[in-house]
Amino acid sequence: MAAEKYVYIIGAVTGILILIVNLILISLIYDKVQQQQQEIVPEHDLIPLDCPVLILGAGFSGSYTAYRLAPRYKNDLCIVERENRVGGKGHDLNYLGENAQTFETSVAPLGSIRFYRSQPVMVQLANELNITSSSYAYRSNLIKARGKFYTQYNDMCNSSYENLNCTNDADGVNSADQLWLAMLNYYRTSPASLSHFADLAAFARALMGDEAADYLRASFRFQSDFENTHPRAYMEFFDQEWNLEFFDQEWNVGGEILYPYGGMSQFPKRMILNATAQFGARLYLTEEVISIGDYVVNDNQGFLFSVRTTRYEIRAKQIVCAIDPSGWKNIIGSVAQEIKSAPHFQAILPVKMVTIQNYWPRRWWEETQLVLPLGSIDRAWTSQNCITFIEVLSVQRPEDRDQNLTRSVYDDSSCVSTWEEYMHRPSSDDLIEEVRRGLQSIFPDVNIPTPTKTFYKIWPGAWHFQQAHSTFTNREIANWALQPLPRFNYQALSMVGEAYYLNRATWADGAAKSALRTLASQFKINFPCFDNDAAEGTFCATA
């Protein structure tokens, strides 16, 4: 893959000419910063750095925190990021495989791709940052289960599964959603009893039987939800997902799905550039955090923390840790060890996931006769091979139709190790052939061509649930993250990210809400409540 370049985009600047001039000048500066590949230097050669307020990580939550804090702290605010880009799971590439630049709107997303009209935190932020989006409504799905192909859940239930009630109920809820609703009603009635089951799959089997549980998994796009997840904590999360109008196995969130031009990476790009270019916050890329410890020198300057990165020895008074649990593995130091040893931290379950994106010489998915009308398919999934889930990305914006882009693999199950093996090989030929074989089994009436481009990514913690052995609610973990170490006060240390706000797991919305809660708790910044939130009704940062 080509060496990555990074160009930030400014937000909230009036006047098109001013915007363009600033973007060009700042892009030149950051291109130079990115091209410097740093190596870990000996500890005695580390550069001393004072950062009164330090944010560790520039993913969505870290960037959001920086965006809100920069007007107050200006040059006293530092952001440290181990990658040579910001954005975390908001990672978009252009056709050449480079990080998408400012004016490139046709991108291949390696991570997150969308948000929703009834997520008011996200909508307000998009408006602030002048991010425009296109709206898209899904049309047709294809599911392969037990060797047969289906476009309707009830047909799938009737044809491939025994002794199930496979009809719509009085409200038109399909048979798959009826099973989810039965699980949800049981949780709402007797939440404590779910702790007796080993994981979500065991709960489903006990409540509905083996055949119904198998049907539920086959009709669902995500497999990791059932494996090793604490059933009570998962249903606590799902209770809010159901509020997002859970129809036909897609969380439509009020029905209107929004795809930002330039991809989801536009959010962190613009937030970080706003913080650095307008307010003087300091950004340090390619700086991996090595240790987080106590600052033991009593110099009466109020520094509490000593943080070592690739090149710097940093003193900080306040820290916001925007590092997902999987990113803590190799971090040492007294503070880091205490956090990693905390039962709340150990309860969090990172979900490993792979995405593979392909550009194609033609729109072969429009040729299948398995989905009618012809050319209406958006998505297909199966648990019978390692494709797991394919989504046609180029249909989501009419102007991108000729890009012929698919997310050909979206896998969060045992197949991740299979794809990881292919990715470690010197050539991608075997991986591409495995993609073609998998797609051919889902679309047997189409000749799958060789893709013109292939981009892929393994995400060690794509999203997060709770370990099966956990004893905490999601809300308890969210509150713990506001003050993870009681020996420090609320103003000293907090943790932000979707991983620490599990009721909104999987969404950028969860990362933003986690950051808002930290800003209110640690920094005493007041925010109005957000009404008409499809998941939570009303979201208040102080709640």
Protein backbone atom coordinates (compact mmCIF):
# COMPACT_ATOMS: atom_id res chain seq x y z
CA MET A 1 0.00 0.00 0.00
CA ALA A 2 1.29 3.45 -0.88
CA ALA A 3 2.87 5.55 1.85
CA GLU A 4 0.17 7.48 3.60
CA LYS A 5 -0.15 11.25 3.37
CA TYR A 6 -2.41 13.28 5.54
CA VAL A 7 -4.16 16.57 4.88
CA TYR A 8 -6.42 18.11 7.44
CA ILE A 9 -9.52 20.08 6.68
CA ILE A 10 -10.54 23.19 8.56
CA GLY A 11 -13.96 23.62 10.07
CA ALA A 12 -16.11 26.62 10.87
CA VAL A 13 -14.27 29.15 8.69
CA THR A 14 -16.36 31.66 6.80
CA GLY A 15 -15.64 32.57 3.23
CA ILE A 16 -14.65 30.10 0.54
CA LEU A 17 -11.44 31.92 -0.44
CA ILE A 18 -10.24 32.06 3.18
CA LEU A 19 -11.05 28.39 3.57
CA ILE A 20 -9.08 27.35 0.49
CA VAL A 21 -6.02 29.46 1.31
CA ASN A 22 -5.89 28.19 4.89
CA LEU A 23 -6.31 24.61 3.82
CA ILE A 24 -3.47 24.79 1.30
CA LEU A 25 -1.05 26.45 3.72
CA ILE A 26 -1.89 24.12 6.60
CA SER A 27 -1.80 21.07 4.35
CA LEU A 28 1.79 21.88 3.36
CA ILE A 29 2.77 22.12 7.02
CA TYR A 30 1.14 18.84 7.99
CA ASP A 31 2.50 17.00 4.94
CA LYS A 32 5.98 17.74 6.25
CA VAL A 33 5.07 16.60 9.74
CA GLN A 34 3.67 13.33 8.45
CA GLN A 35 6.62 12.45 6.28
CA GLN A 36 8.88 12.25 9.33
CA GLN A 37 9.03 8.61 10.40
CA GLN A 38 10.18 8.52 14.02
CA GLU A 39 12.01 5.77 15.87
CA ILE A 40 11.91 5.19 19.60
CA VAL A 41 14.87 7.01 21.12
CA PRO A 42 16.76 6.09 24.31
CA GLU A 43 15.08 7.35 27.47
CA HIS A 44 17.94 9.71 28.32
CA ASP A 45 17.55 11.37 24.90
CA LEU A 46 13.82 12.08 25.23
CA ILE A 47 12.73 15.66 24.64
CA PRO A 48 11.12 17.22 27.74
CA LEU A 49 7.66 18.63 27.12
CA ASP A 50 5.15 20.37 29.39
CA CYS A 51 1.49 19.82 28.52
CA PRO A 52 -0.83 21.06 31.28
CA VAL A 53 -3.74 19.32 29.53
CA LEU A 54 -2.84 16.17 27.61
CA ILE A 55 -5.08 14.07 25.36
CA LEU A 56 -3.74 10.62 24.55
CA GLY A 57 -5.22 9.48 21.25
CA ALA A 58 -6.72 11.38 18.32
CA GLY A 59 -9.52 9.07 17.31
CA PHE A 60 -13.08 10.38 17.27
CA SER A 61 -13.40 10.88 21.03
CA GLY A 62 -9.92 12.37 21.45
CA SER A 63 -10.46 14.74 18.53
CA TYR A 64 -13.86 15.76 19.88
CA THR A 65 -12.38 16.47 23.31
CA ALA A 66 -9.59 18.55 21.76
CA TYR A 67 -12.10 20.46 19.64
CA ARG A 68 -14.07 21.52 22.72
CA LEU A 69 -11.07 22.20 24.99
CA ALA A 70 -8.88 24.15 22.55
CA PRO A 71 -10.74 27.48 22.87
CA ARG A 72 -10.10 27.40 26.63
CA TYR A 73 -6.58 25.95 26.89
CA LYS A 74 -5.02 26.92 23.54
CA ASN A 75 -1.27 26.17 23.57
CA ASP A 76 -1.54 24.45 26.95
CA LEU A 77 -3.42 21.62 25.22
CA CYS A 78 -1.47 18.75 23.63
CA ILE A 79 -2.76 15.83 21.58
CA VAL A 80 -0.57 12.76 21.16
CA GLU A 81 -1.38 10.16 18.50
CA ARG A 82 0.56 7.00 17.62
CA GLU A 83 -0.55 6.95 13.98
CA ASN A 84 0.57 9.43 11.32
CA ARG A 85 -3.03 10.54 10.97
CA VAL A 86 -5.98 11.41 13.17
CA GLY A 87 -9.36 9.71 13.10
CA GLY A 88 -8.99 6.27 14.65
CA LYS A 89 -11.65 4.06 13.07
CA GLY A 90 -12.62 6.94 10.80
CA HIS A 91 -10.05 5.98 8.17
CA ASP A 92 -10.69 6.71 4.49
CA LEU A 93 -8.46 6.07 1.47
CA ASN A 94 -8.49 7.45 -2.05
CA TYR A 95 -8.20 5.26 -5.14
CA LEU A 96 -4.40 5.24 -4.84
CA GLY A 97 -4.54 3.84 -1.32
CA GLU A 98 -3.49 7.10 0.32
CA ASN A 99 -5.28 8.83 3.17
CA ALA A 100 -8.09 10.78 1.54
CA GLN A 101 -7.20 14.43 1.13
CA THR A 102 -9.27 17.50 1.78
CA PHE A 103 -11.07 17.85 -1.54
CA GLU A 104 -11.45 14.15 -2.31
CA THR A 105 -15.04 13.09 -1.77
CA SER A 106 -14.93 9.63 -3.37
CA VAL A 107 -13.26 7.44 -0.78
CA ALA A 108 -12.90 3.83 0.28
CA PRO A 109 -13.69 3.62 4.00
CA LEU A 110 -11.67 1.11 6.02
CA GLY A 111 -13.71 1.74 9.16
CA SER A 112 -16.83 3.71 10.04
CA ILE A 113 -19.00 4.98 7.19
CA ARG A 114 -22.21 6.57 8.45
CA PHE A 115 -24.28 8.29 11.08
CA TYR A 116 -27.98 8.98 11.43
CA ARG A 117 -30.42 11.85 11.26
CA SER A 118 -31.86 11.07 14.68
CA GLN A 119 -28.46 11.14 16.41
CA PRO A 120 -28.62 14.84 17.38
CA VAL A 121 -25.10 14.94 18.85
CA MET A 122 -23.70 13.89 15.47
CA VAL A 123 -26.01 16.11 13.44
CA GLN A 124 -25.12 19.21 15.46
CA LEU A 125 -21.42 18.44 15.13
CA ALA A 126 -21.70 17.95 11.37
CA ASN A 127 -23.42 21.32 11.09
CA GLU A 128 -20.72 23.02 13.18
CA LEU A 129 -17.98 21.56 11.01
CA ASN A 130 -19.74 22.28 7.70
CA ILE A 131 -19.82 18.59 6.85
CA THR A 132 -22.39 17.75 4.21
CA SER A 133 -23.82 14.28 3.72
CA SER A 134 -25.93 12.30 1.33
CA SER A 135 -28.95 10.33 2.48
CA TYR A 136 -29.60 6.75 1.48
CA ALA A 137 -32.27 4.15 2.25
CA TYR A 138 -31.48 0.47 1.82
CA ARG A 139 -33.46 -1.39 -0.82
CA SER A 140 -32.84 -5.15 -1.00
CA ASN A 141 -30.86 -7.72 1.00
CA LEU A 142 -29.73 -11.22 0.12
CA ILE A 143 -29.12 -13.88 2.79
CA LYS A 144 -27.59 -17.29 2.21
CA ALA A 145 -28.50 -19.82 4.91
CA ARG A 146 -28.23 -23.60 4.86
CA GLY A 147 -27.42 -23.56 1.15
CA LYS A 148 -30.47 -21.54 0.09
CA PHE A 149 -30.94 -17.88 -0.84
CA TYR A 150 -33.49 -15.47 0.61
CA THR A 151 -34.56 -11.87 0.35
CA GLN A 152 -37.27 -12.13 3.02
CA TYR A 153 -36.76 -13.20 6.63
CA ASN A 154 -40.06 -15.05 6.84
CA ASP A 155 -39.33 -17.05 3.68
CA MET A 156 -35.96 -17.99 5.14
CA CYS A 157 -37.62 -19.05 8.38
CA ASN A 158 -40.28 -21.16 6.65
CA SER A 159 -37.95 -22.91 4.21
CA SER A 160 -34.84 -23.70 6.23
CA TYR A 161 -35.88 -23.96 9.87
CA GLU A 162 -38.14 -26.45 11.64
CA ASN A 163 -41.07 -25.84 13.98
CA LEU A 164 -40.81 -22.04 14.06
CA ASN A 165 -43.64 -19.53 13.86
CA CYS A 166 -42.50 -17.75 10.73
CA THR A 167 -45.09 -15.04 10.19
CA ASN A 168 -45.38 -11.34 10.78
CA ASP A 169 -47.14 -10.41 13.98
CA ALA A 170 -50.07 -8.01 14.18
CA ASP A 171 -47.74 -5.02 13.93
CA GLY A 172 -45.94 -6.37 10.88
CA VAL A 173 -42.77 -7.29 12.78
CA ASN A 174 -40.99 -10.09 10.93
CA SER A 175 -40.10 -13.41 12.52
CA ALA A 176 -36.47 -12.47 13.20
CA ASP A 177 -37.43 -9.27 14.98
CA GLN A 178 -40.03 -11.17 16.98
CA LEU A 179 -37.23 -13.29 18.45
CA TRP A 180 -35.20 -10.20 19.35
CA LEU A 181 -38.27 -8.67 20.93
CA ALA A 182 -38.86 -11.82 23.00
CA MET A 183 -35.30 -11.61 24.33
CA LEU A 184 -35.71 -7.91 25.03
CA ASN A 185 -38.98 -8.39 26.90
CA TYR A 186 -37.40 -11.11 29.03
CA TYR A 187 -34.50 -8.78 29.86
CA ARG A 188 -36.85 -5.94 30.76
CA THR A 189 -38.82 -8.23 33.06
CA SER A 190 -35.97 -10.11 34.72
CA PRO A 191 -32.58 -8.52 33.95
CA ALA A 192 -30.68 -10.12 36.84
CA SER A 193 -31.50 -13.64 35.65
CA LEU A 194 -29.50 -13.15 32.45
CA SER A 195 -26.29 -13.35 34.46
CA HIS A 196 -26.84 -17.10 34.81
CA PHE A 197 -26.06 -17.65 31.10
CA ALA A 198 -22.54 -17.97 29.72
CA ASP A 199 -23.10 -15.60 26.80
CA LEU A 200 -25.79 -14.18 24.53
CA ALA A 201 -25.99 -17.37 22.44
CA ALA A 202 -26.66 -19.46 25.55
CA PHE A 203 -29.41 -17.05 26.60
CA ALA A 204 -31.02 -17.26 23.14
CA ARG A 205 -30.94 -21.07 23.14
CA ALA A 206 -32.41 -21.29 26.63
CA LEU A 207 -35.22 -18.86 25.88
CA MET A 208 -36.19 -19.92 22.35
CA GLY A 209 -34.60 -23.28 21.57
CA ASP A 210 -31.70 -24.36 19.38
CA GLU A 211 -33.42 -23.95 16.02
CA ALA A 212 -34.73 -20.46 16.74
CA ALA A 213 -31.35 -19.37 18.09
CA ASP A 214 -29.65 -20.71 14.97
CA TYR A 215 -32.13 -18.86 12.77
CA LEU A 216 -31.56 -15.66 14.73
CA ARG A 217 -27.79 -15.87 14.19
CA ALA A 218 -28.12 -16.69 10.50
CA SER A 219 -30.45 -13.74 9.93
CA PHE A 220 -28.16 -11.33 11.78
CA ARG A 221 -25.16 -9.61 10.19
CA PHE A 222 -22.87 -9.65 13.24
CA GLN A 223 -21.63 -12.89 14.76
CA SER A 224 -19.44 -11.57 17.59
CA ASP A 225 -22.51 -10.24 19.39
CA PHE A 226 -23.37 -13.81 20.38
CA GLU A 227 -19.90 -14.98 21.41
CA ASN A 228 -18.35 -14.37 24.84
CA THR A 229 -20.60 -11.37 25.47
CA HIS A 230 -22.31 -10.81 28.81
CA PRO A 231 -26.03 -11.29 28.03
CA ARG A 232 -27.32 -8.76 30.55
CA ALA A 233 -24.89 -6.04 29.45
CA TYR A 234 -25.58 -6.80 25.79
CA MET A 235 -29.33 -6.50 26.26
CA GLU A 236 -28.78 -3.24 28.15
CA PHE A 237 -27.08 -2.01 24.97
CA PHE A 238 -29.71 -3.59 22.73
CA ASP A 239 -32.55 -1.96 24.65
CA GLN A 240 -31.38 1.37 23.23
CA GLU A 241 -30.77 -0.11 19.78
CA TRP A 242 -34.37 -1.27 19.66
CA ASN A 243 -35.41 2.31 20.30
CA LEU A 244 -33.66 3.16 17.05
CA GLU A 245 -36.50 1.44 15.15
CA PHE A 246 -34.89 -1.97 14.76
CA PHE A 247 -36.47 -3.19 11.53
CA ASP A 248 -35.34 -6.02 9.23
CA GLN A 249 -32.09 -6.52 11.12
CA GLU A 250 -30.91 -3.00 10.28
CA TRP A 251 -30.65 -0.30 12.94
CA ASN A 252 -32.17 2.41 10.78
CA VAL A 253 -32.10 5.06 13.51
CA GLY A 254 -35.20 6.88 12.43
CA GLY A 255 -34.87 5.64 8.86
CA GLU A 256 -32.47 8.24 7.42
CA ILE A 257 -28.87 7.14 7.06
CA LEU A 258 -26.28 9.84 6.35
CA TYR A 259 -22.98 9.34 4.53
CA PRO A 260 -20.61 12.33 4.87
CA TYR A 261 -18.78 13.50 1.77
CA GLY A 262 -15.15 12.56 2.20
CA GLY A 263 -16.07 9.87 4.71
CA MET A 264 -16.36 9.81 8.49
CA SER A 265 -12.71 10.86 8.76
CA GLN A 266 -13.88 14.39 7.94
CA PHE A 267 -15.10 14.75 11.53
CA PRO A 268 -11.77 14.23 13.33
CA LYS A 269 -9.79 15.96 10.57
CA ARG A 270 -11.79 19.15 10.88
CA MET A 271 -11.98 19.04 14.67
CA ILE A 272 -8.21 18.65 15.09
CA LEU A 273 -7.42 21.30 12.53
CA ASN A 274 -9.80 23.69 14.25
CA ALA A 275 -8.06 23.02 17.57
CA THR A 276 -4.53 23.42 16.18
CA ALA A 277 -4.85 26.09 13.50
CA GLN A 278 -7.35 28.38 15.18
CA PHE A 279 -6.44 27.96 18.84
CA GLY A 280 -2.83 26.78 18.89
CA ALA A 281 -3.28 23.35 20.42
CA ARG A 282 -0.23 21.17 19.85
CA LEU A 283 -0.53 17.94 17.85
CA TYR A 284 2.14 15.23 17.94
CA LEU A 285 1.71 12.46 15.37
CA THR A 286 3.59 9.13 15.18
CA GLU A 287 4.05 9.29 18.96
CA GLU A 288 3.20 5.99 20.58
CA VAL A 289 2.54 6.12 24.31
CA ILE A 290 5.16 3.99 26.07
CA SER A 291 4.33 4.68 29.72
CA ILE A 292 1.92 6.64 31.92
CA GLY A 293 3.14 7.14 35.46
CA ASP A 294 3.10 9.45 38.44
CA TYR A 295 5.16 12.63 38.33
CA VAL A 296 7.11 12.26 41.55
CA VAL A 297 9.07 15.53 41.58
CA ASN A 298 7.62 17.95 44.11
CA ASP A 299 8.21 21.24 42.29
CA ASN A 300 4.96 22.96 43.35
CA GLN A 301 3.90 23.37 39.71
CA GLY A 302 0.93 21.03 39.96
CA PHE A 303 2.09 18.34 37.54
CA LEU A 304 0.64 14.93 38.39
CA PHE A 305 1.60 12.70 35.47
CA SER A 306 4.71 11.67 33.60
CA VAL A 307 4.05 10.28 30.12
CA ARG A 308 6.72 8.84 27.87
CA THR A 309 6.14 8.57 24.13
CA THR A 310 8.35 7.71 21.17
CA ARG A 311 10.36 10.92 21.45
CA TYR A 312 9.03 12.90 24.41
CA GLU A 313 9.00 12.90 28.20
CA ILE A 314 5.80 14.79 28.98
CA ARG A 315 4.63 16.38 32.23
CA ALA A 316 0.87 16.84 32.53
CA LYS A 317 -1.60 18.14 35.09
CA GLN A 318 -4.71 16.69 33.50
CA ILE A 319 -5.02 13.72 31.16
CA VAL A 320 -7.83 12.49 28.93
CA CYS A 321 -7.09 8.93 27.81
CA ALA A 322 -8.69 8.35 24.42
CA ILE A 323 -7.09 4.94 23.94
CA ASP A 324 -9.22 1.86 23.33
CA PRO A 325 -8.56 -1.16 25.59
CA SER A 326 -6.56 -3.01 22.93
CA GLY A 327 -4.22 -0.01 22.69
CA TRP A 328 -3.22 -0.34 26.36
CA LYS A 329 -1.55 -3.72 25.95
CA ASN A 330 2.06 -2.52 25.84
CA ILE A 331 1.74 0.67 27.91
CA ILE A 332 3.63 0.50 31.20
CA GLY A 333 3.94 2.82 34.21
CA SER A 334 2.22 3.10 37.58
CA VAL A 335 -0.91 4.85 36.31
CA ALA A 336 -1.27 2.56 33.30
CA GLN A 337 -0.90 -0.55 35.42
CA GLU A 338 -3.58 0.62 37.85
CA ILE A 339 -5.99 1.29 35.01
CA LYS A 340 -5.32 -2.05 33.34
CA SER A 341 -5.78 -3.84 36.67
CA ALA A 342 -9.16 -2.25 37.37
CA PRO A 343 -12.07 -4.74 37.21
CA HIS A 344 -14.11 -2.29 35.11
CA PHE A 345 -11.35 -2.10 32.50
CA GLN A 346 -10.93 -5.87 32.43
CA ALA A 347 -14.67 -6.31 31.91
CA ILE A 348 -14.54 -4.62 28.49
CA LEU A 349 -14.49 -6.98 25.50
CA PRO A 350 -12.82 -5.66 22.32
CA VAL A 351 -14.30 -7.09 19.12
CA LYS A 352 -11.72 -7.86 16.45
CA MET A 353 -12.94 -7.20 12.94
CA VAL A 354 -11.68 -7.13 9.36
CA THR A 355 -12.87 -5.07 6.40
CA ILE A 356 -11.86 -5.64 2.78
CA GLN A 357 -12.79 -3.05 0.18
CA ASN A 358 -12.68 -3.64 -3.59
CA TYR A 359 -12.98 -1.55 -6.71
CA TRP A 360 -14.35 -3.61 -9.61
CA PRO A 361 -14.16 -3.36 -13.42
CA ARG A 362 -17.96 -3.64 -13.62
CA ARG A 363 -21.04 -3.63 -11.37
CA TRP A 364 -21.41 -7.40 -11.32
CA TRP A 365 -23.92 -7.33 -8.40
CA GLU A 366 -26.44 -5.72 -10.73
CA GLU A 367 -26.41 -8.90 -12.84
CA THR A 368 -27.73 -11.34 -10.22
CA GLN A 369 -31.22 -12.73 -10.68
CA LEU A 370 -31.43 -13.67 -7.01
CA VAL A 371 -32.66 -10.19 -6.05
CA LEU A 372 -35.41 -8.41 -7.92
CA PRO A 373 -35.86 -5.87 -9.30
CA LEU A 374 -32.56 -6.31 -11.07
CA GLY A 375 -29.79 -4.12 -9.68
CA SER A 376 -31.57 -3.29 -6.42
CA ILE A 377 -29.28 -5.22 -4.07
CA ASP A 378 -27.42 -3.24 -1.40
CA ARG A 379 -26.14 -5.93 0.96
CA ALA A 380 -25.73 -9.66 1.34
CA TRP A 381 -24.58 -11.85 4.21
CA THR A 382 -24.02 -15.44 5.22
CA SER A 383 -22.52 -17.42 8.08
CA GLN A 384 -21.47 -20.19 5.68
CA ASN A 385 -18.20 -18.67 4.48
CA CYS A 386 -15.71 -15.98 5.42
CA ILE A 387 -17.27 -13.13 3.45
CA THR A 388 -19.84 -12.83 6.25
CA PHE A 389 -21.19 -9.52 4.96
CA ILE A 390 -20.85 -7.51 1.75
CA GLU A 391 -22.15 -3.99 1.24
CA VAL A 392 -22.28 -2.09 -2.04
CA LEU A 393 -20.80 1.29 -1.16
CA SER A 394 -20.93 3.05 -4.51
CA VAL A 395 -24.75 3.06 -4.59
CA GLN A 396 -24.98 5.16 -1.45
CA ARG A 397 -24.17 8.32 -3.40
CA PRO A 398 -25.51 8.57 -6.96
CA GLU A 399 -22.43 10.50 -8.10
CA ASP A 400 -20.21 7.59 -6.97
CA ARG A 401 -22.08 4.86 -8.84
CA ASP A 402 -19.33 4.49 -11.44
CA GLN A 403 -16.73 3.92 -8.71
CA ASN A 404 -17.89 0.27 -8.51
CA LEU A 405 -16.85 0.04 -4.87
CA THR A 406 -17.87 -2.64 -2.39
CA ARG A 407 -17.03 -3.49 1.16
CA SER A 408 -16.64 -7.11 0.14
CA VAL A 409 -15.78 -8.50 3.57
CA TYR A 410 -17.01 -7.34 6.95
CA ASP A 411 -16.21 -10.12 9.35
CA ASP A 412 -16.20 -10.17 13.14
CA SER A 413 -16.15 -13.93 13.73
CA SER A 414 -13.62 -16.76 13.69
CA CYS A 415 -12.83 -15.93 10.07
CA VAL A 416 -10.81 -12.89 11.16
CA SER A 417 -7.84 -15.19 11.73
CA THR A 418 -8.25 -16.57 8.21
CA TRP A 419 -8.10 -13.13 6.66
CA GLU A 420 -5.24 -12.15 8.92
CA GLU A 421 -3.24 -15.10 7.61
CA TYR A 422 -3.80 -13.97 4.03
CA MET A 423 -2.81 -10.40 4.89
CA HIS A 424 0.52 -11.54 6.31
CA ARG A 425 1.54 -13.12 3.01
CA PRO A 426 3.88 -11.20 0.69
CA SER A 427 1.29 -11.10 -2.10
CA SER A 428 -2.42 -10.33 -1.88
CA ASP A 429 -3.25 -12.80 -4.68
CA ASP A 430 -4.45 -15.55 -2.31
CA LEU A 431 -6.59 -13.07 -0.38
CA ILE A 432 -8.21 -11.80 -3.57
CA GLU A 433 -8.98 -15.34 -4.72
CA GLU A 434 -10.56 -16.13 -1.34
CA VAL A 435 -12.74 -13.02 -1.71
CA ARG A 436 -13.79 -14.11 -5.20
CA ARG A 437 -14.56 -17.67 -4.06
CA GLY A 438 -16.66 -16.42 -1.17
CA LEU A 439 -18.60 -13.98 -3.33
CA GLN A 440 -19.13 -16.63 -5.99
CA SER A 441 -20.85 -18.87 -3.43
CA ILE A 442 -23.24 -16.04 -2.50
CA PHE A 443 -23.84 -14.99 -6.13
CA PRO A 444 -23.62 -18.30 -8.06
CA ASP A 445 -25.36 -16.87 -11.13
CA VAL A 446 -22.71 -14.17 -11.67
CA ASN A 447 -19.13 -14.42 -12.89
CA ILE A 448 -17.14 -12.57 -10.21
CA PRO A 449 -14.30 -10.65 -11.91
CA THR A 450 -10.88 -9.82 -10.50
CA PRO A 451 -11.01 -6.51 -8.61
CA THR A 452 -8.97 -3.58 -9.85
CA LYS A 453 -8.05 -2.45 -6.32
CA THR A 454 -8.10 -4.10 -2.90
CA PHE A 455 -7.72 -2.33 0.45
CA TYR A 456 -8.03 -4.03 3.82
CA LYS A 457 -7.72 -3.43 7.53
CA ILE A 458 -7.74 -5.45 10.75
CA TRP A 459 -9.30 -3.57 13.67
CA PRO A 460 -8.25 -5.12 17.03
CA GLY A 461 -11.07 -3.26 18.80
CA ALA A 462 -13.59 -2.26 16.15
CA TRP A 463 -16.25 -1.97 18.84
CA HIS A 464 -16.74 -3.22 22.37
CA PHE A 465 -19.13 -5.14 24.58
CA GLN A 466 -18.64 -6.71 28.02
CA GLN A 467 -16.87 -9.95 28.86
CA ALA A 468 -19.14 -12.83 29.84
CA HIS A 469 -17.71 -12.88 33.37
CA SER A 470 -18.39 -9.20 34.07
CA THR A 471 -20.44 -8.14 37.07
CA PHE A 472 -21.01 -4.54 35.93
CA THR A 473 -23.73 -2.73 34.06
CA ASN A 474 -22.78 -0.60 31.07
CA ARG A 475 -23.72 2.51 33.02
CA GLU A 476 -21.35 1.54 35.84
CA ILE A 477 -18.46 1.27 33.39
CA ALA A 478 -19.37 4.64 31.87
CA ASN A 479 -19.32 6.26 35.30
CA TRP A 480 -16.04 4.54 36.23
CA ALA A 481 -14.40 6.03 33.13
CA LEU A 482 -15.05 9.55 34.45
CA GLN A 483 -12.76 8.84 37.42
CA PRO A 484 -10.96 5.54 36.80
CA LEU A 485 -8.48 5.97 39.67
CA PRO A 486 -10.09 7.28 42.89
CA ARG A 487 -6.75 8.51 44.25
CA PHE A 488 -7.03 11.32 41.69
CA ASN A 489 -9.91 13.77 41.74
CA TYR A 490 -12.38 14.13 38.88
CA GLN A 491 -10.38 16.95 37.32
CA ALA A 492 -7.19 14.91 36.91
CA LEU A 493 -7.88 11.83 34.80
CA SER A 494 -10.63 10.35 32.66
CA MET A 495 -11.12 7.89 29.81
CA VAL A 496 -13.15 8.55 26.67
CA GLY A 497 -14.30 6.51 23.71
CA GLU A 498 -17.05 4.23 22.52
CA ALA A 499 -15.38 1.45 24.56
CA TYR A 500 -16.22 3.31 27.77
CA TYR A 501 -19.80 4.22 26.85
CA LEU A 502 -21.11 0.77 26.03
CA ASN A 503 -24.80 1.60 25.77
CA ARG A 504 -23.89 3.29 22.50
CA ALA A 505 -21.25 0.73 21.52
CA THR A 506 -20.29 0.50 17.83
CA TRP A 507 -21.21 4.12 17.00
CA ALA A 508 -19.22 7.35 16.63
CA ASP A 509 -22.20 8.74 18.52
CA GLY A 510 -21.01 6.76 21.55
CA ALA A 511 -17.50 8.19 21.27
CA ALA A 512 -18.88 11.74 21.11
CA LYS A 513 -21.19 11.20 24.08
CA SER A 514 -18.35 9.75 26.14
CA ALA A 515 -16.28 12.85 25.38
CA LEU A 516 -19.18 15.14 26.30
CA ARG A 517 -19.55 13.44 29.68
CA THR A 518 -15.83 13.87 30.40
CA LEU A 519 -15.93 17.52 29.34
CA ALA A 520 -18.79 18.11 31.77
CA SER A 521 -17.28 16.09 34.64
CA GLN A 522 -13.54 16.75 34.37
CA PHE A 523 -13.56 20.26 32.90
CA LYS A 524 -16.92 21.61 34.12
CA ILE A 525 -18.07 22.65 30.66
CA ASN A 526 -21.82 23.02 30.41
CA PHE A 527 -23.73 21.65 27.42
CA PRO A 528 -27.46 21.76 26.73
CA CYS A 529 -29.25 18.43 26.64
CA PHE A 530 -29.90 16.86 23.25
CA ASP A 531 -33.57 16.09 22.67
CA ASN A 532 -35.09 13.69 20.15
CA ASP A 533 -32.24 11.22 20.44
CA ALA A 534 -33.67 8.02 18.97
CA ALA A 535 -31.63 5.78 21.28
CA GLU A 536 -31.75 7.62 24.59
CA GLY A 537 -34.71 9.97 24.24
CA THR A 538 -32.86 12.91 25.78
CA PHE A 539 -29.09 12.83 26.21
CA CYS A 540 -27.54 15.05 28.89
CA ALA A 541 -23.78 15.11 29.40
CA THR A 542 -24.23 15.45 33.15
CA ALA A 543 -26.56 12.44 33.50
